[in-house]
C-alpha atoms as a PDB file:
ATOM      1  CA  MET A   1       0.000   0.000   0.000  1.00  0.00           C
ATOM      2  CA  LYS A   2       1.212   3.465  -0.832  1.00  0.00           C
ATOM      3  CA  PRO A   3       2.241   5.630   2.150  1.00  0.00           C
ATOM      4  CA  GLU A   4      -0.279   8.294   1.091  1.00  0.00           C
ATOM      5  CA  THR A   5      -3.060   5.710   1.157  1.00  0.00           C
ATOM      6  CA  GLN A   6      -2.043   4.645   4.646  1.00  0.00           C
ATOM      7  CA  GLU A   7      -2.096   8.279   5.791  1.00  0.00           C
ATOM      8  CA  TRP A   8      -5.670   8.704   4.523  1.00  0.00           C
ATOM      9  CA  ALA A   9      -6.697   5.462   6.254  1.00  0.00           C
ATOM     10  CA  ASP A  10      -5.023   6.479   9.511  1.00  0.00           C
ATOM     11  CA  LYS A  11      -6.778   9.869   9.488  1.00  0.00           C
ATOM     12  CA  ALA A  12     -10.080   8.139   8.708  1.00  0.00           C
ATOM     13  CA  ASP A  13      -9.608   5.742  11.615  1.00  0.00           C
ATOM     14  CA  GLY A  14      -8.921   8.628  13.974  1.00  0.00           C
ATOM     15  CA  ASP A  15     -12.234  10.190  12.963  1.00  0.00           C
ATOM     16  CA  TRP A  16     -13.915   6.795  13.328  1.00  0.00           C
ATOM     17  CA  LYS A  17     -12.595   6.198  16.845  1.00  0.00           C
ATOM     18  CA  VAL A  18     -13.665   9.604  18.108  1.00  0.00           C
ATOM     19  CA  ALA A  19     -17.102   9.368  16.430  1.00  0.00           C
ATOM     20  CA  VAL A  20     -17.771   5.997  18.045  1.00  0.00           C
ATOM     21  CA  ARG A  21     -16.413   7.131  21.415  1.00  0.00           C
ATOM     22  CA  GLU A  22     -18.522  10.298  21.370  1.00  0.00           C
ATOM     23  CA  SER A  23     -21.641   8.378  20.312  1.00  0.00           C
ATOM     24  CA  GLN A  24     -21.268   6.264  23.459  1.00  0.00           C
ATOM     25  CA  ALA A  25     -20.691   9.213  25.804  1.00  0.00           C
ATOM     26  CA  ASP A  26     -23.164  10.063  28.558  1.00  0.00           C
ATOM     27  CA  ASP A  27     -24.104  13.300  26.799  1.00  0.00           C
ATOM     28  CA  PRO A  28     -23.110  12.918  23.120  1.00  0.00           C
ATOM     29  CA  VAL A  29     -22.753  15.892  20.808  1.00  0.00           C
ATOM     30  CA  TRP A  30     -24.662  14.464  17.841  1.00  0.00           C
ATOM     31  CA  ASN A  31     -23.433  17.110  15.378  1.00  0.00           C
ATOM     32  CA  VAL A  32     -19.868  16.077  16.109  1.00  0.00           C
ATOM     33  CA  VAL A  33     -20.674  12.370  15.779  1.00  0.00           C
ATOM     34  CA  ALA A  34     -22.328  12.933  12.389  1.00  0.00           C
ATOM     35  CA  PHE A  35     -19.503  15.205  11.221  1.00  0.00           C
ATOM     36  CA  LEU A  36     -16.793  12.728  12.194  1.00  0.00           C
ATOM     37  CA  ALA A  37     -18.680   9.830  10.611  1.00  0.00           C
ATOM     38  CA  GLN A  38     -18.856  11.838   7.375  1.00  0.00           C
ATOM     39  CA  GLN A  39     -15.159  12.642   7.638  1.00  0.00           C
ATOM     40  CA  CYS A  40     -14.310   8.965   8.158  1.00  0.00           C
ATOM     41  CA  ALA A  41     -16.283   7.942   5.073  1.00  0.00           C
ATOM     42  CA  GLU A  42     -14.783  10.762   3.012  1.00  0.00           C
ATOM     43  CA  LYS A  43     -11.219   9.909   3.955  1.00  0.00           C
ATOM     44  CA  TYR A  44     -11.696   6.205   3.293  1.00  0.00           C
ATOM     45  CA  LEU A  45     -13.039   6.947  -0.182  1.00  0.00           C
ATOM     46  CA  LYS A  46     -10.049   9.219  -0.752  1.00  0.00           C
ATOM     47  CA  ALA A  47      -7.708   6.472   0.496  1.00  0.00           C
ATOM     48  CA  PHE A  48      -9.239   4.102  -2.049  1.00  0.00           C
ATOM     49  CA  LEU A  49      -8.847   6.636  -4.848  1.00  0.00           C
ATOM     50  CA  GLU A  50      -5.266   7.395  -3.799  1.00  0.00           C
ATOM     51  CA  GLU A  51      -4.340   3.712  -3.828  1.00  0.00           C
ATOM     52  CA  HIS A  52      -5.778   3.334  -7.338  1.00  0.00           C
ATOM     53  CA  ASN A  53      -4.045   6.469  -8.641  1.00  0.00           C
ATOM     54  CA  VAL A  54      -7.363   8.152  -9.393  1.00  0.00           C
ATOM     55  CA  ALA A  55      -7.179  11.919  -9.171  1.00  0.00           C
ATOM     56  CA  PHE A  56      -9.858  13.571  -7.066  1.00  0.00           C
ATOM     57  CA  ARG A  57     -10.643  17.140  -6.216  1.00  0.00           C
ATOM     58  CA  LYS A  58     -11.065  18.649  -2.798  1.00  0.00           C
ATOM     59  CA  THR A  59     -14.650  17.914  -1.877  1.00  0.00           C
ATOM     60  CA  HIS A  60     -16.811  16.678   0.979  1.00  0.00           C
ATOM     61  CA  ASP A  61     -19.357  15.192  -1.461  1.00  0.00           C
ATOM     62  CA  LEU A  62     -19.361  11.443  -0.845  1.00  0.00           C
ATOM     63  CA  VAL A  63     -21.435  10.704  -3.944  1.00  0.00           C
ATOM     64  CA  LEU A  64     -18.951  12.560  -6.130  1.00  0.00           C
ATOM     65  CA  LEU A  65     -16.070  10.663  -4.531  1.00  0.00           C
ATOM     66  CA  PHE A  66     -17.910   7.365  -4.923  1.00  0.00           C
ATOM     67  CA  ASP A  67     -18.659   8.126  -8.582  1.00  0.00           C
ATOM     68  CA  THR A  68     -14.979   8.948  -9.075  1.00  0.00           C
ATOM     69  CA  THR A  69     -14.117   5.348  -8.140  1.00  0.00           C
ATOM     70  CA  GLY A  70     -15.517   4.360 -11.545  1.00  0.00           C
ATOM     71  CA  ASN A  71     -17.577   1.460 -10.215  1.00  0.00           C
ATOM     72  CA  ARG A  72     -14.573  -0.022  -8.432  1.00  0.00           C
ATOM     73  CA  LEU A  73     -16.685  -0.335  -5.253  1.00  0.00           C
ATOM     74  CA  PRO A  74     -19.929  -1.852  -6.565  1.00  0.00           C
ATOM     75  CA  GLU A  75     -20.773  -3.215  -3.121  1.00  0.00           C
ATOM     76  CA  LEU A  76     -21.439   0.373  -2.014  1.00  0.00           C
ATOM     77  CA  ALA A  77     -23.687   1.398  -4.929  1.00  0.00           C
ATOM     78  CA  GLU A  78     -26.860   0.907  -2.874  1.00  0.00           C
ATOM     79  CA  LEU A  79     -25.567   3.438  -0.359  1.00  0.00           C
ATOM     80  CA  LYS A  80     -25.488   6.373  -2.789  1.00  0.00           C
ATOM     81  CA  PRO A  81     -28.720   7.991  -1.545  1.00  0.00           C
ATOM     82  CA  ARG A  82     -27.546   7.626   2.043  1.00  0.00           C
ATOM     83  CA  MET A  83     -24.100   8.965   1.095  1.00  0.00           C
ATOM     84  CA  ALA A  84     -25.805  12.090  -0.230  1.00  0.00           C
ATOM     85  CA  HIS A  85     -27.512  12.607   3.123  1.00  0.00           C
ATOM     86  CA  LEU A  86     -24.295  11.928   5.040  1.00  0.00           C
ATOM     87  CA  SER A  87     -22.478  14.501   2.901  1.00  0.00           C
ATOM     88  CA  THR A  88     -24.618  17.258   4.435  1.00  0.00           C
ATOM     89  CA  PHE A  89     -22.856  16.681   7.727  1.00  0.00           C
ATOM     90  CA  GLY A  90     -19.451  17.419   6.201  1.00  0.00           C
ATOM     91  CA  ILE A  91     -20.070  21.143   6.229  1.00  0.00           C
ATOM     92  CA  ALA A  92     -23.643  22.255   6.898  1.00  0.00           C
ATOM     93  CA  ALA A  93     -23.991  20.629  10.320  1.00  0.00           C
ATOM     94  CA  ARG A  94     -20.924  22.500  11.523  1.00  0.00           C
ATOM     95  CA  TYR A  95     -22.825  25.791  11.330  1.00  0.00           C
ATOM     96  CA  PRO A  96     -26.139  27.109  12.649  1.00  0.00           C
ATOM     97  CA  GLY A  97     -29.223  26.084  10.726  1.00  0.00           C
ATOM     98  CA  VAL A  98     -28.603  22.342  10.403  1.00  0.00           C
ATOM     99  CA  GLU A  99     -28.688  20.065  13.415  1.00  0.00           C
ATOM    100  CA  ALA A 100     -27.893  16.381  13.645  1.00  0.00           C
ATOM    101  CA  ASN A 101     -30.008  14.490  16.150  1.00  0.00           C
ATOM    102  CA  ARG A 102     -29.443  11.035  17.629  1.00  0.00           C
ATOM    103  CA  GLN A 103     -31.117   9.287  14.682  1.00  0.00           C
ATOM    104  CA  ASP A 104     -28.993  11.238  12.172  1.00  0.00           C
ATOM    105  CA  ALA A 105     -25.823  10.380  14.051  1.00  0.00           C
ATOM    106  CA  VAL A 106     -26.689   6.681  14.360  1.00  0.00           C
ATOM    107  CA  GLU A 107     -27.368   6.529  10.621  1.00  0.00           C
ATOM    108  CA  ALA A 108     -24.153   8.441   9.915  1.00  0.00           C
ATOM    109  CA  ILE A 109     -22.161   5.928  11.964  1.00  0.00           C
ATOM    110  CA  GLU A 110     -23.805   3.023  10.109  1.00  0.00           C
ATOM    111  CA  ILE A 111     -23.047   4.463   6.662  1.00  0.00           C
ATOM    112  CA  ALA A 112     -19.469   5.209   7.677  1.00  0.00           C
ATOM    113  CA  ARG A 113     -19.157   1.673   9.060  1.00  0.00           C
ATOM    114  CA  GLU A 114     -20.214   0.174   5.717  1.00  0.00           C
ATOM    115  CA  ILE A 115     -17.882   2.401   3.688  1.00  0.00           C
ATOM    116  CA  ARG A 116     -15.024   1.804   6.111  1.00  0.00           C
ATOM    117  CA  ALA A 117     -15.476  -1.981   6.007  1.00  0.00           C
ATOM    118  CA  ALA A 118     -15.669  -2.125   2.214  1.00  0.00           C
ATOM    119  CA  VAL A 119     -12.629   0.056   1.629  1.00  0.00           C
ATOM    120  CA  ARG A 120     -10.561  -1.618   4.349  1.00  0.00           C
ATOM    121  CA  SER A 121     -11.354  -4.982   2.769  1.00  0.00           C
ATOM    122  CA  ARG A 122     -10.352  -3.767  -0.682  1.00  0.00           C
ATOM    123  CA  LEU A 123      -7.122  -2.299   0.697  1.00  0.00           C
ATOM    124  CA  GLY A 124      -6.272  -5.474   2.581  1.00  0.00           C
ATOM    125  CA  LEU A 125      -6.511  -3.828   6.001  1.00  0.00           C
ATOM    126  CA  THR A 126      -7.666  -5.937   8.927  1.00  0.00           C
END
């Protein structure tokens, strides 16, 4: 695996660990959980693209990143509508006007879990 790919995966796992930890806290901050779940998914998609030498632009749009894989992750195709929803937590939920509640955060964690598992499997990470 390329060092750059490993860096993306390591950053993604940091986001993952904190999102899961915060979701289990006594008084979770759901916006932060949803944001970090989105960040985890984003960075794993970027790790996959990096490993396959596919150029990608700076974006928080998970659907765009997924589409950039060129159908190299067909197991995630069903998630596209949910990826679109998760993408909103990459920016909008960080500012007033959009709030993530418990249900949003739980769904965000689940989507991130599926993306993380698929990409880790494809990259040969255990």
